[in-house]
Amino acid sequence: MRIGDVASRAGVSTRALRYYEEQGLLSPERTANGQRSYPESAVQRVRLIQQFYAAGLPSRTILRMLPFVDAGTTTPEALDILSVERDRIAAKMAELGQALAQLDQVIDFARHPDQCSAARPRAGR
């Protein structure tokens, strides 16, 4: 199957497929004239990769997970990899929550500058 066919059926761009290939996530065959040739299973593989990305996993982690997917097994190692990623995402969400709270304060100060002690000039300056 040609790259455009896979892209169309999987709902991604050909550029995305080339990126997946660069990252080692997808390995097409090459025809005699150098064109990519994908098996039927590539469509499902691309959809799976998209699900991993949607879950917030970086390509290096997806690459580590694919052997478990291919083997059809869930191992303690696979669960550990996913747990580490979950913790990373949770920490990032906490940081974003703190940033959001700070931004809310800034917005509140901007709306009510007369009530903001930090905006008032200090005596003696």
PDB file of N, CA and C in Angstrom:
ATOM      1  N   MET A   1       0.853  -1.158   0.000  1.00  0.00           N
ATOM      2  CA  MET A   1       0.000   0.000   0.000  1.00  0.00           C
ATOM      3  C   MET A   1       0.911   1.236   0.000  1.00  0.00           C
ATOM      4  N   ARG A   2       0.531   2.249  -0.756  1.00  0.00           N
ATOM      5  CA  ARG A   2       1.340   3.462  -0.874  1.00  0.00           C
ATOM      6  C   ARG A   2       1.094   4.394   0.309  1.00  0.00           C
ATOM      7  N   ILE A   3       2.014   5.316   0.510  1.00  0.00           N
ATOM      8  CA  ILE A   3       1.966   6.212   1.661  1.00  0.00           C
ATOM      9  C   ILE A   3       0.670   7.030   1.696  1.00  0.00           C
ATOM     10  N   GLY A   4       0.225   7.507   0.551  1.00  0.00           N
ATOM     11  CA  GLY A   4      -1.009   8.295   0.504  1.00  0.00           C
ATOM     12  C   GLY A   4      -2.223   7.487   0.902  1.00  0.00           C
ATOM     13  N   ASP A   5      -2.230   6.210   0.534  1.00  0.00           N
ATOM     14  CA  ASP A   5      -3.345   5.329   0.890  1.00  0.00           C
ATOM     15  C   ASP A   5      -3.399   5.109   2.401  1.00  0.00           C
ATOM     16  N   VAL A   6      -2.243   4.854   2.989  1.00  0.00           N
ATOM     17  CA  VAL A   6      -2.187   4.645   4.447  1.00  0.00           C
ATOM     18  C   VAL A   6      -2.622   5.920   5.157  1.00  0.00           C
ATOM     19  N   ALA A   7      -2.092   7.043   4.722  1.00  0.00           N
ATOM     20  CA  ALA A   7      -2.426   8.321   5.341  1.00  0.00           C
ATOM     21  C   ALA A   7      -3.932   8.576   5.281  1.00  0.00           C
ATOM     22  N   SER A   8      -4.517   8.365   4.132  1.00  0.00           N
ATOM     23  CA  SER A   8      -5.947   8.591   3.944  1.00  0.00           C
ATOM     24  C   SER A   8      -6.771   7.675   4.843  1.00  0.00           C
ATOM     25  N   ARG A   9      -6.447   6.408   4.844  1.00  0.00           N
ATOM     26  CA  ARG A   9      -7.218   5.435   5.628  1.00  0.00           C
ATOM     27  C   ARG A   9      -7.033   5.611   7.131  1.00  0.00           C
ATOM     28  N   ALA A  10      -5.845   6.069   7.549  1.00  0.00           N
ATOM     29  CA  ALA A  10      -5.583   6.243   8.980  1.00  0.00           C
ATOM     30  C   ALA A  10      -5.968   7.638   9.473  1.00  0.00           C
ATOM     31  N   GLY A  11      -6.250   8.542   8.536  1.00  0.00           N
ATOM     32  CA  GLY A  11      -6.657   9.885   8.924  1.00  0.00           C
ATOM     33  C   GLY A  11      -5.509  10.773   9.380  1.00  0.00           C
ATOM     34  N   VAL A  12      -4.325  10.575   8.791  1.00  0.00           N
ATOM     35  CA  VAL A  12      -3.162  11.402   9.116  1.00  0.00           C
ATOM     36  C   VAL A  12      -2.550  11.921   7.821  1.00  0.00           C
ATOM     37  N   SER A  13      -1.586  12.794   7.955  1.00  0.00           N
ATOM     38  CA  SER A  13      -0.892  13.307   6.776  1.00  0.00           C
ATOM     39  C   SER A  13       0.267  12.390   6.397  1.00  0.00           C
ATOM     40  N   THR A  14       0.709  12.509   5.158  1.00  0.00           N
ATOM     41  CA  THR A  14       1.891  11.741   4.736  1.00  0.00           C
ATOM     42  C   THR A  14       3.107  12.230   5.509  1.00  0.00           C
ATOM     43  N   ARG A  15       3.102  13.500   5.861  1.00  0.00           N
ATOM     44  CA  ARG A  15       4.205  14.045   6.661  1.00  0.00           C
ATOM     45  C   ARG A  15       4.289  13.331   8.014  1.00  0.00           C
ATOM     46  N   ALA A  16       3.135  13.068   8.625  1.00  0.00           N
ATOM     47  CA  ALA A  16       3.103  12.347   9.898  1.00  0.00           C
ATOM     48  C   ALA A  16       3.702  10.948   9.730  1.00  0.00           C
ATOM     49  N   LEU A  17       3.369  10.285   8.639  1.00  0.00           N
ATOM     50  CA  LEU A  17       3.906   8.941   8.410  1.00  0.00           C
ATOM     51  C   LEU A  17       5.424   8.976   8.253  1.00  0.00           C
ATOM     52  N   ARG A  18       5.925   9.986   7.551  1.00  0.00           N
ATOM     53  CA  ARG A  18       7.381  10.117   7.407  1.00  0.00           C
ATOM     54  C   ARG A  18       8.043  10.371   8.759  1.00  0.00           C
ATOM     55  N   TYR A  19       7.382  11.170   9.596  1.00  0.00           N
ATOM     56  CA  TYR A  19       7.894  11.431  10.939  1.00  0.00           C
ATOM     57  C   TYR A  19       7.921  10.134  11.761  1.00  0.00           C
ATOM     58  N   TYR A  20       6.849   9.363  11.696  1.00  0.00           N
ATOM     59  CA  TYR A  20       6.809   8.090  12.426  1.00  0.00           C
ATOM     60  C   TYR A  20       7.944   7.179  11.973  1.00  0.00           C
ATOM     61  N   GLU A  21       8.208   7.195  10.682  1.00  0.00           N
ATOM     62  CA  GLU A  21       9.313   6.395  10.159  1.00  0.00           C
ATOM     63  C   GLU A  21      10.648   6.893  10.727  1.00  0.00           C
ATOM     64  N   GLU A  22      10.853   8.212  10.738  1.00  0.00           N
ATOM     65  CA  GLU A  22      12.091   8.788  11.297  1.00  0.00           C
ATOM     66  C   GLU A  22      12.276   8.394  12.759  1.00  0.00           C
ATOM     67  N   GLN A  23      11.177   8.311  13.497  1.00  0.00           N
ATOM     68  CA  GLN A  23      11.223   7.984  14.920  1.00  0.00           C
ATOM     69  C   GLN A  23      11.330   6.479  15.177  1.00  0.00           C
ATOM     70  N   GLY A  24      11.258   5.682  14.134  1.00  0.00           N
ATOM     71  CA  GLY A  24      11.347   4.237  14.290  1.00  0.00           C
ATOM     72  C   GLY A  24      10.034   3.581  14.667  1.00  0.00           C
ATOM     73  N   LEU A  25       8.940   4.301  14.567  1.00  0.00           N
ATOM     74  CA  LEU A  25       7.631   3.782  14.957  1.00  0.00           C
ATOM     75  C   LEU A  25       6.947   2.995  13.845  1.00  0.00           C
ATOM     76  N   LEU A  26       7.378   3.232  12.627  1.00  0.00           N
ATOM     77  CA  LEU A  26       6.774   2.610  11.455  1.00  0.00           C
ATOM     78  C   LEU A  26       7.899   2.267  10.494  1.00  0.00           C
ATOM     79  N   SER A  27       7.870   1.061   9.940  1.00  0.00           N
ATOM     80  CA  SER A  27       8.947   0.622   9.048  1.00  0.00           C
ATOM     81  C   SER A  27       8.395   0.062   7.750  1.00  0.00           C
ATOM     82  N   PRO A  28       8.211   0.922   6.763  1.00  0.00           N
ATOM     83  CA  PRO A  28       7.713   0.421   5.483  1.00  0.00           C
ATOM     84  C   PRO A  28       8.814  -0.284   4.695  1.00  0.00           C
ATOM     85  N   GLU A  29       8.394  -1.117   3.795  1.00  0.00           N
ATOM     86  CA  GLU A  29       9.321  -1.713   2.829  1.00  0.00           C
ATOM     87  C   GLU A  29       9.602  -0.658   1.773  1.00  0.00           C
ATOM     88  N   ARG A  30      10.601  -0.879   0.966  1.00  0.00           N
ATOM     89  CA  ARG A  30      10.881   0.024  -0.160  1.00  0.00           C
ATOM     90  C   ARG A  30      10.796  -0.787  -1.450  1.00  0.00           C
ATOM     91  N   THR A  31      10.146  -0.188  -2.443  1.00  0.00           N
ATOM     92  CA  THR A  31      10.065  -0.838  -3.749  1.00  0.00           C
ATOM     93  C   THR A  31      11.400  -0.659  -4.462  1.00  0.00           C
ATOM     94  N   ALA A  32      11.540  -1.287  -5.621  1.00  0.00           N
ATOM     95  CA  ALA A  32      12.784  -1.201  -6.390  1.00  0.00           C
ATOM     96  C   ALA A  32      13.121   0.246  -6.758  1.00  0.00           C
ATOM     97  N   ASN A  33      12.089   1.070  -6.945  1.00  0.00           N
ATOM     98  CA  ASN A  33      12.352   2.470  -7.291  1.00  0.00           C
ATOM     99  C   ASN A  33      12.362   3.390  -6.066  1.00  0.00           C
ATOM    100  N   GLY A  34      12.405   2.806  -4.854  1.00  0.00           N
ATOM    101  CA  GLY A  34      12.570   3.578  -3.631  1.00  0.00           C
ATOM    102  C   GLY A  34      11.312   4.081  -2.967  1.00  0.00           C
ATOM    103  N   GLN A  35      10.148   3.765  -3.533  1.00  0.00           N
ATOM    104  CA  GLN A  35       8.899   4.220  -2.909  1.00  0.00           C
ATOM    105  C   GLN A  35       8.564   3.363  -1.691  1.00  0.00           C
ATOM    106  N   ARG A  36       7.908   3.999  -0.729  1.00  0.00           N
ATOM    107  CA  ARG A  36       7.478   3.278   0.469  1.00  0.00           C
ATOM    108  C   ARG A  36       6.317   2.353   0.114  1.00  0.00           C
ATOM    109  N   SER A  37       6.341   1.183   0.722  1.00  0.00           N
ATOM    110  CA  SER A  37       5.251   0.226   0.550  1.00  0.00           C
ATOM    111  C   SER A  37       4.885  -0.314   1.932  1.00  0.00           C
ATOM    112  N   TYR A  38       3.624  -0.111   2.312  1.00  0.00           N
ATOM    113  CA  TYR A  38       3.166  -0.486   3.646  1.00  0.00           C
ATOM    114  C   TYR A  38       2.250  -1.703   3.586  1.00  0.00           C
ATOM    115  N   PRO A  39       2.313  -2.549   4.604  1.00  0.00           N
ATOM    116  CA  PRO A  39       1.341  -3.655   4.682  1.00  0.00           C
ATOM    117  C   PRO A  39      -0.013  -3.116   5.152  1.00  0.00           C
ATOM    118  N   GLU A  40      -1.058  -3.897   4.980  1.00  0.00           N
ATOM    119  CA  GLU A  40      -2.399  -3.517   5.451  1.00  0.00           C
ATOM    120  C   GLU A  40      -2.388  -3.149   6.929  1.00  0.00           C
ATOM    121  N   SER A  41      -1.585  -3.862   7.712  1.00  0.00           N
ATOM    122  CA  SER A  41      -1.549  -3.650   9.162  1.00  0.00           C
ATOM    123  C   SER A  41      -1.037  -2.258   9.550  1.00  0.00           C
ATOM    124  N   ALA A  42      -0.433  -1.553   8.626  1.00  0.00           N
ATOM    125  CA  ALA A  42       0.110  -0.225   8.928  1.00  0.00           C
ATOM    126  C   ALA A  42      -0.990   0.755   9.339  1.00  0.00           C
ATOM    127  N   VAL A  43      -2.174   0.596   8.781  1.00  0.00           N
ATOM    128  CA  VAL A  43      -3.276   1.503   9.122  1.00  0.00           C
ATOM    129  C   VAL A  43      -3.591   1.394  10.611  1.00  0.00           C
ATOM    130  N   GLN A  44      -3.726   0.178  11.104  1.00  0.00           N
ATOM    131  CA  GLN A  44      -4.008  -0.024  12.527  1.00  0.00           C
ATOM    132  C   GLN A  44      -2.842   0.444  13.387  1.00  0.00           C
ATOM    133  N   ARG A  45      -1.627   0.229  12.930  1.00  0.00           N
ATOM    134  CA  ARG A  45      -0.431   0.656  13.667  1.00  0.00           C
ATOM    135  C   ARG A  45      -0.434   2.186  13.810  1.00  0.00           C
ATOM    136  N   VAL A  46      -0.754   2.877  12.729  1.00  0.00           N
ATOM    137  CA  VAL A  46      -0.789   4.345  12.767  1.00  0.00           C
ATOM    138  C   VAL A  46      -1.888   4.819  13.711  1.00  0.00           C
ATOM    139  N   ARG A  47      -3.024   4.186  13.689  1.00  0.00           N
ATOM    140  CA  ARG A  47      -4.112   4.558  14.605  1.00  0.00           C
ATOM    141  C   ARG A  47      -3.690   4.356  16.068  1.00  0.00           C
ATOM    142  N   LEU A  48      -2.966   3.274  16.319  1.00  0.00           N
ATOM    143  CA  LEU A  48      -2.456   3.008  17.664  1.00  0.00           C
ATOM    144  C   LEU A  48      -1.451   4.091  18.075  1.00  0.00           C
ATOM    145  N   ILE A  49      -0.550   4.432  17.191  1.00  0.00           N
ATOM    146  CA  ILE A  49       0.430   5.484  17.464  1.00  0.00           C
ATOM    147  C   ILE A  49      -0.292   6.784  17.792  1.00  0.00           C
ATOM    148  N   GLN A  50      -1.331   7.095  17.043  1.00  0.00           N
ATOM    149  CA  GLN A  50      -2.116   8.298  17.297  1.00  0.00           C
ATOM    150  C   GLN A  50      -2.762   8.259  18.691  1.00  0.00           C
ATOM    151  N   GLN A  51      -3.221   7.104  19.107  1.00  0.00           N
ATOM    152  CA  GLN A  51      -3.809   6.972  20.445  1.00  0.00           C
ATOM    153  C   GLN A  51      -2.751   7.222  21.515  1.00  0.00           C
ATOM    154  N   PHE A  52      -1.562   6.682  21.313  1.00  0.00           N
ATOM    155  CA  PHE A  52      -0.471   6.912  22.263  1.00  0.00           C
ATOM    156  C   PHE A  52      -0.139   8.406  22.347  1.00  0.00           C
ATOM    157  N   TYR A  53      -0.052   9.064  21.203  1.00  0.00           N
ATOM    158  CA  TYR A  53       0.222  10.508  21.204  1.00  0.00           C
ATOM    159  C   TYR A  53      -0.900  11.273  21.905  1.00  0.00           C
ATOM    160  N   ALA A  54      -2.132  10.900  21.640  1.00  0.00           N
ATOM    161  CA  ALA A  54      -3.269  11.572  22.270  1.00  0.00           C
ATOM    162  C   ALA A  54      -3.244  11.397  23.790  1.00  0.00           C
ATOM    163  N   ALA A  55      -2.642  10.307  24.255  1.00  0.00           N
ATOM    164  CA  ALA A  55      -2.514  10.056  25.692  1.00  0.00           C
ATOM    165  C   ALA A  55      -1.337  10.812  26.294  1.00  0.00           C
ATOM    166  N   GLY A  56      -0.630  11.567  25.459  1.00  0.00           N
ATOM    167  CA  GLY A  56       0.471  12.379  25.965  1.00  0.00           C
ATOM    168  C   GLY A  56       1.825  11.715  25.970  1.00  0.00           C
ATOM    169  N   LEU A  57       1.936  10.551  25.328  1.00  0.00           N
ATOM    170  CA  LEU A  57       3.224   9.852  25.323  1.00  0.00           C
ATOM    171  C   LEU A  57       4.136  10.410  24.237  1.00  0.00           C
ATOM    172  N   PRO A  58       5.405  10.629  24.572  1.00  0.00           N
ATOM    173  CA  PRO A  58       6.359  11.055  23.548  1.00  0.00           C
ATOM    174  C   PRO A  58       6.763   9.869  22.671  1.00  0.00           C
ATOM    175  N   SER A  59       7.331  10.169  21.518  1.00  0.00           N
ATOM    176  CA  SER A  59       7.674   9.102  20.570  1.00  0.00           C
ATOM    177  C   SER A  59       8.660   8.103  21.162  1.00  0.00           C
ATOM    178  N   ARG A  60       9.593   8.547  21.993  1.00  0.00           N
ATOM    179  CA  ARG A  60      10.563   7.602  22.576  1.00  0.00           C
ATOM    180  C   ARG A  60       9.872   6.575  23.477  1.00  0.00           C
ATOM    181  N   THR A  61       8.800   6.994  24.160  1.00  0.00           N
ATOM    182  CA  THR A  61       8.055   6.070  25.008  1.00  0.00           C
ATOM    183  C   THR A  61       7.190   5.152  24.154  1.00  0.00           C
ATOM    184  N   ILE A  62       6.601   5.695  23.118  1.00  0.00           N
ATOM    185  CA  ILE A  62       5.802   4.867  22.206  1.00  0.00           C
ATOM    186  C   ILE A  62       6.681   3.777  21.624  1.00  0.00           C
ATOM    187  N   LEU A  63       7.887   4.138  21.235  1.00  0.00           N
ATOM    188  CA  LEU A  63       8.830   3.161  20.678  1.00  0.00           C
ATOM    189  C   LEU A  63       9.116   2.046  21.681  1.00  0.00           C
ATOM    190  N   ARG A  64       9.214   2.393  22.949  1.00  0.00           N
ATOM    191  CA  ARG A  64       9.454   1.382  23.994  1.00  0.00           C
ATOM    192  C   ARG A  64       8.228   0.498  24.217  1.00  0.00           C
ATOM    193  N   MET A  65       7.032   1.030  23.953  1.00  0.00           N
ATOM    194  CA  MET A  65       5.804   0.282  24.181  1.00  0.00           C
ATOM    195  C   MET A  65       5.443  -0.664  23.038  1.00  0.00           C
ATOM    196  N   LEU A  66       5.882  -0.348  21.835  1.00  0.00           N
ATOM    197  CA  LEU A  66       5.468  -1.145  20.673  1.00  0.00           C
ATOM    198  C   LEU A  66       5.831  -2.630  20.759  1.00  0.00           C
ATOM    199  N   PRO A  67       6.987  -3.011  21.289  1.00  0.00           N
ATOM    200  CA  PRO A  67       7.247  -4.456  21.406  1.00  0.00           C
ATOM    201  C   PRO A  67       6.225  -5.184  22.280  1.00  0.00           C
ATOM    202  N   PHE A  68       5.737  -4.528  23.318  1.00  0.00           N
ATOM    203  CA  PHE A  68       4.714  -5.150  24.167  1.00  0.00           C
ATOM    204  C   PHE A  68       3.401  -5.289  23.402  1.00  0.00           C
ATOM    205  N   VAL A  69       3.081  -4.262  22.617  1.00  0.00           N
ATOM    206  CA  VAL A  69       1.872  -4.312  21.794  1.00  0.00           C
ATOM    207  C   VAL A  69       1.998  -5.438  20.776  1.00  0.00           C
ATOM    208  N   ASP A  70       3.155  -5.497  20.105  1.00  0.00           N
ATOM    209  CA  ASP A  70       3.362  -6.528  19.093  1.00  0.00           C
ATOM    210  C   ASP A  70       3.287  -7.934  19.681  1.00  0.00           C
ATOM    211  N   ALA A  71       3.778  -8.089  20.913  1.00  0.00           N
ATOM    212  CA  ALA A  71       3.746  -9.398  21.570  1.00  0.00           C
ATOM    213  C   ALA A  71       2.371  -9.701  22.153  1.00  0.00           C
ATOM    214  N   GLY A  72       1.539  -8.680  22.244  1.00  0.00           N
ATOM    215  CA  GLY A  72       0.211  -8.885  22.808  1.00  0.00           C
ATOM    216  C   GLY A  72       0.233  -9.179  24.290  1.00  0.00           C
ATOM    217  N   THR A  73       1.251  -8.635  24.983  1.00  0.00           N
ATOM    218  CA  THR A  73       1.382  -8.901  26.414  1.00  0.00           C
ATOM    219  C   THR A  73       1.447  -7.608  27.204  1.00  0.00           C
ATOM    220  N   THR A  74       0.997  -7.708  28.425  1.00  0.00           N
ATOM    221  CA  THR A  74       1.173  -6.627  29.387  1.00  0.00           C
ATOM    222  C   THR A  74       2.107  -7.172  30.454  1.00  0.00           C
ATOM    223  N   THR A  75       3.227  -6.514  30.600  1.00  0.00           N
ATOM    224  CA  THR A  75       4.228  -6.961  31.569  1.00  0.00           C
ATOM    225  C   THR A  75       4.400  -5.899  32.643  1.00  0.00           C
ATOM    226  N   PRO A  76       5.016  -6.271  33.752  1.00  0.00           N
ATOM    227  CA  PRO A  76       5.324  -5.247  34.768  1.00  0.00           C
ATOM    228  C   PRO A  76       6.163  -4.103  34.182  1.00  0.00           C
ATOM    229  N   GLU A  77       7.067  -4.418  33.265  1.00  0.00           N
ATOM    230  CA  GLU A  77       7.883  -3.376  32.644  1.00  0.00           C
ATOM    231  C   GLU A  77       7.013  -2.398  31.847  1.00  0.00           C
ATOM    232  N   ALA A  78       6.072  -2.929  31.088  1.00  0.00           N
ATOM    233  CA  ALA A  78       5.174  -2.064  30.305  1.00  0.00           C
ATOM    234  C   ALA A  78       4.339  -1.184  31.231  1.00  0.00           C
ATOM    235  N   LEU A  79       3.842  -1.760  32.302  1.00  0.00           N
ATOM    236  CA  LEU A  79       3.050  -0.982  33.253  1.00  0.00           C
ATOM    237  C   LEU A  79       3.897   0.079  33.947  1.00  0.00           C
ATOM    238  N   ASP A  80       5.162  -0.254  34.235  1.00  0.00           N
ATOM    239  CA  ASP A  80       6.067   0.729  34.835  1.00  0.00           C
ATOM    240  C   ASP A  80       6.297   1.904  33.892  1.00  0.00           C
ATOM    241  N   ILE A  81       6.501   1.614  32.620  1.00  0.00           N
ATOM    242  CA  ILE A  81       6.712   2.678  31.625  1.00  0.00           C
ATOM    243  C   ILE A  81       5.501   3.603  31.598  1.00  0.00           C
ATOM    244  N   LEU A  82       4.322   3.012  31.554  1.00  0.00           N
ATOM    245  CA  LEU A  82       3.097   3.816  31.513  1.00  0.00           C
ATOM    246  C   LEU A  82       2.882   4.589  32.808  1.00  0.00           C
ATOM    247  N   SER A  83       3.221   4.000  33.942  1.00  0.00           N
ATOM    248  CA  SER A  83       3.075   4.683  35.230  1.00  0.00           C
ATOM    249  C   SER A  83       4.004   5.886  35.334  1.00  0.00           C
ATOM    250  N   VAL A  84       5.222   5.737  34.838  1.00  0.00           N
ATOM    251  CA  VAL A  84       6.170   6.860  34.840  1.00  0.00           C
ATOM    252  C   VAL A  84       5.614   7.999  33.989  1.00  0.00           C
ATOM    253  N   GLU A  85       5.068   7.662  32.840  1.00  0.00           N
ATOM    254  CA  GLU A  85       4.488   8.701  31.970  1.00  0.00           C
ATOM    255  C   GLU A  85       3.275   9.356  32.616  1.00  0.00           C
ATOM    256  N   ARG A  86       2.475   8.563  33.310  1.00  0.00           N
ATOM    257  CA  ARG A  86       1.314   9.127  33.996  1.00  0.00           C
ATOM    258  C   ARG A  86       1.769  10.105  35.067  1.00  0.00           C
ATOM    259  N   ASP A  87       2.791   9.727  35.829  1.00  0.00           N
ATOM    260  CA  ASP A  87       3.322  10.620  36.865  1.00  0.00           C
ATOM    261  C   ASP A  87       3.879  11.906  36.248  1.00  0.00           C
ATOM    262  N   ARG A  88       4.546  11.788  35.115  1.00  0.00           N
ATOM    263  CA  ARG A  88       5.101  12.961  34.431  1.00  0.00           C
ATOM    264  C   ARG A  88       3.979  13.907  34.017  1.00  0.00           C
ATOM    265  N   ILE A  89       2.921  13.349  33.451  1.00  0.00           N
ATOM    266  CA  ILE A  89       1.794  14.163  33.005  1.00  0.00           C
ATOM    267  C   ILE A  89       1.088  14.792  34.208  1.00  0.00           C
ATOM    268  N   ALA A  90       0.921  14.043  35.296  1.00  0.00           N
ATOM    269  CA  ALA A  90       0.278  14.582  36.500  1.00  0.00           C
ATOM    270  C   ALA A  90       1.095  15.742  37.073  1.00  0.00           C
ATOM    271  N   ALA A  91       2.414  15.615  37.075  1.00  0.00           N
ATOM    272  CA  ALA A  91       3.273  16.695  37.572  1.00  0.00           C
ATOM    273  C   ALA A  91       3.150  17.930  36.686  1.00  0.00           C
ATOM    274  N   LYS A  92       3.099  17.703  35.386  1.00  0.00           N
ATOM    275  CA  LYS A  92       2.942  18.829  34.462  1.00  0.00           C
ATOM    276  C   LYS A  92       1.590  19.514  34.668  1.00  0.00           C
ATOM    277  N   MET A  93       0.558  18.715  34.916  1.00  0.00           N
ATOM    278  CA  MET A  93      -0.768  19.289  35.178  1.00  0.00           C
ATOM    279  C   MET A  93      -0.762  20.116  36.461  1.00  0.00           C
ATOM    280  N   ALA A  94      -0.053  19.651  37.484  1.00  0.00           N
ATOM    281  CA  ALA A  94       0.037  20.406  38.735  1.00  0.00           C
ATOM    282  C   ALA A  94       0.746  21.736  38.497  1.00  0.00           C
ATOM    283  N   GLU A  95       1.820  21.705  37.716  1.00  0.00           N
ATOM    284  CA  GLU A  95       2.527  22.946  37.380  1.00  0.00           C
ATOM    285  C   GLU A  95       1.614  23.897  36.621  1.00  0.00           C
ATOM    286  N   LEU A  96       0.866  23.367  35.686  1.00  0.00           N
ATOM    287  CA  LEU A  96      -0.061  24.203  34.932  1.00  0.00           C
ATOM    288  C   LEU A  96      -1.165  24.760  35.826  1.00  0.00           C
ATOM    289  N   GLY A  97      -1.595  23.977  36.800  1.00  0.00           N
ATOM    290  CA  GLY A  97      -2.598  24.450  37.756  1.00  0.00           C
ATOM    291  C   GLY A  97      -2.069  25.626  38.567  1.00  0.00           C
ATOM    292  N   GLN A  98      -0.802  25.547  38.970  1.00  0.00           N
ATOM    293  CA  GLN A  98      -0.182  26.653  39.704  1.00  0.00           C
ATOM    294  C   GLN A  98      -0.058  27.887  38.803  1.00  0.00           C
ATOM    295  N   ALA A  99       0.341  27.683  37.570  1.00  0.00           N
ATOM    296  CA  ALA A  99       0.464  28.794  36.627  1.00  0.00           C
ATOM    297  C   ALA A  99      -0.906  29.441  36.398  1.00  0.00           C
ATOM    298  N   LEU A 100      -1.935  28.616  36.295  1.00  0.00           N
ATOM    299  CA  LEU A 100      -3.295  29.136  36.111  1.00  0.00           C
ATOM    300  C   LEU A 100      -3.726  29.984  37.305  1.00  0.00           C
ATOM    301  N   ALA A 101      -3.436  29.517  38.508  1.00  0.00           N
ATOM    302  CA  ALA A 101      -3.780  30.282  39.710  1.00  0.00           C
ATOM    303  C   ALA A 101      -3.040  31.616  39.726  1.00  0.00           C
ATOM    304  N   GLN A 102      -1.774  31.620  39.349  1.00  0.00           N
ATOM    305  CA  GLN A 102      -1.005  32.864  39.281  1.00  0.00           C
ATOM    306  C   GLN A 102      -1.599  33.815  38.244  1.00  0.00           C
ATOM    307  N   LEU A 103      -1.944  33.270  37.094  1.00  0.00           N
ATOM    308  CA  LEU A 103      -2.530  34.095  36.041  1.00  0.00           C
ATOM    309  C   LEU A 103      -3.872  34.681  36.488  1.00  0.00           C
ATOM    310  N   ASP A 104      -4.662  33.893  37.199  1.00  0.00           N
ATOM    311  CA  ASP A 104      -5.929  34.407  37.730  1.00  0.00           C
ATOM    312  C   ASP A 104      -5.683  35.590  38.658  1.00  0.00           C
ATOM    313  N   GLN A 105      -4.619  35.511  39.470  1.00  0.00           N
ATOM    314  CA  GLN A 105      -4.275  36.631  40.360  1.00  0.00           C
ATOM    315  C   GLN A 105      -3.886  37.863  39.551  1.00  0.00           C
ATOM    316  N   VAL A 106      -3.076  37.664  38.527  1.00  0.00           N
ATOM    317  CA  VAL A 106      -2.657  38.779  37.686  1.00  0.00           C
ATOM    318  C   VAL A 106      -3.874  39.431  37.026  1.00  0.00           C
ATOM    319  N   ILE A 107      -4.782  38.626  36.531  1.00  0.00           N
ATOM    320  CA  ILE A 107      -6.006  39.154  35.908  1.00  0.00           C
ATOM    321  C   ILE A 107      -6.817  39.930  36.936  1.00  0.00           C
ATOM    322  N   ASP A 108      -6.933  39.383  38.137  1.00  0.00           N
ATOM    323  CA  ASP A 108      -7.678  40.067  39.188  1.00  0.00           C
ATOM    324  C   ASP A 108      -7.027  41.408  39.523  1.00  0.00           C
ATOM    325  N   PHE A 109      -5.699  41.426  39.626  1.00  0.00           N
ATOM    326  CA  PHE A 109      -4.979  42.674  39.895  1.00  0.00           C
ATOM    327  C   PHE A 109      -5.198  43.664  38.756  1.00  0.00           C
ATOM    328  N   ALA A 110      -5.189  43.184  37.521  1.00  0.00           N
ATOM    329  CA  ALA A 110      -5.381  44.065  36.366  1.00  0.00           C
ATOM    330  C   ALA A 110      -6.791  44.661  36.355  1.00  0.00           C
ATOM    331  N   ARG A 111      -7.756  43.890  36.807  1.00  0.00           N
ATOM    332  CA  ARG A 111      -9.138  44.379  36.842  1.00  0.00           C
ATOM    333  C   ARG A 111      -9.369  45.367  37.995  1.00  0.00           C
ATOM    334  N   HIS A 112      -8.600  45.208  39.057  1.00  0.00           N
ATOM    335  CA  HIS A 112      -8.794  46.024  40.262  1.00  0.00           C
ATOM    336  C   HIS A 112      -7.453  46.579  40.739  1.00  0.00           C
ATOM    337  N   PRO A 113      -6.809  47.436  39.950  1.00  0.00           N
ATOM    338  CA  PRO A 113      -5.479  47.929  40.333  1.00  0.00           C
ATOM    339  C   PRO A 113      -5.498  48.757  41.615  1.00  0.00           C
ATOM    340  N   ASP A 114      -6.614  49.369  41.922  1.00  0.00           N
ATOM    341  CA  ASP A 114      -6.703  50.179  43.141  1.00  0.00           C
ATOM    342  C   ASP A 114      -6.680  49.321  44.402  1.00  0.00           C
ATOM    343  N   GLN A 115      -6.982  48.036  44.278  1.00  0.00           N
ATOM    344  CA  GLN A 115      -6.991  47.131  45.424  1.00  0.00           C
ATOM    345  C   GLN A 115      -5.696  46.338  45.546  1.00  0.00           C
ATOM    346  N   CYS A 116      -4.770  46.573  44.638  1.00  0.00           N
ATOM    347  CA  CYS A 116      -3.525  45.798  44.608  1.00  0.00           C
ATOM    348  C   CYS A 116      -2.430  46.576  45.330  1.00  0.00           C
ATOM    349  N   SER A 117      -1.962  46.076  46.442  1.00  0.00           N
ATOM    350  CA  SER A 117      -0.918  46.765  47.197  1.00  0.00           C
ATOM    351  C   SER A 117       0.397  46.804  46.432  1.00  0.00           C
ATOM    352  N   ALA A 118       0.660  45.834  45.598  1.00  0.00           N
ATOM    353  CA  ALA A 118       1.910  45.799  44.837  1.00  0.00           C
ATOM    354  C   ALA A 118       1.937  46.891  43.772  1.00  0.00           C
ATOM    355  N   ALA A 119       0.769  47.377  43.351  1.00  0.00           N
ATOM    356  CA  ALA A 119       0.719  48.395  42.308  1.00  0.00           C
ATOM    357  C   ALA A 119       0.818  49.814  42.877  1.00  0.00           C
ATOM    358  N   ARG A 120       0.649  49.944  44.172  1.00  0.00           N
ATOM    359  CA  ARG A 120       0.698  51.270  44.796  1.00  0.00           C
ATOM    360  C   ARG A 120       2.146  51.716  44.959  1.00  0.00           C
ATOM    361  N   PRO A 121       2.414  53.017  44.727  1.00  0.00           N
ATOM    362  CA  PRO A 121       3.771  53.518  44.946  1.00  0.00           C
ATOM    363  C   PRO A 121       4.109  53.456  46.436  1.00  0.00           C
ATOM    364  N   ARG A 122       5.347  53.131  46.726  1.00  0.00           N
ATOM    365  CA  ARG A 122       5.794  53.064  48.106  1.00  0.00           C
ATOM    366  C   ARG A 122       6.200  54.438  48.596  1.00  0.00           C
ATOM    367  N   ALA A 123       5.985  54.664  49.860  1.00  0.00           N
ATOM    368  CA  ALA A 123       6.354  55.948  50.453  1.00  0.00           C
ATOM    369  C   ALA A 123       7.868  56.113  50.420  1.00  0.00           C
ATOM    370  N   GLY A 124       8.325  57.327  50.149  1.00  0.00           N
ATOM    371  CA  GLY A 124       9.763  57.605  50.143  1.00  0.00           C
ATOM    372  C   GLY A 124      10.430  57.338  48.823  1.00  0.00           C
ATOM    373  N   ARG A 125       9.710  56.996  47.796  1.00  0.00           N
ATOM    374  CA  ARG A 125      10.321  56.746  46.473  1.00  0.00           C
ATOM    375  C   ARG A 125      10.029  57.858  45.549  1.00  0.00           C
TER     376      ARG A 125
END
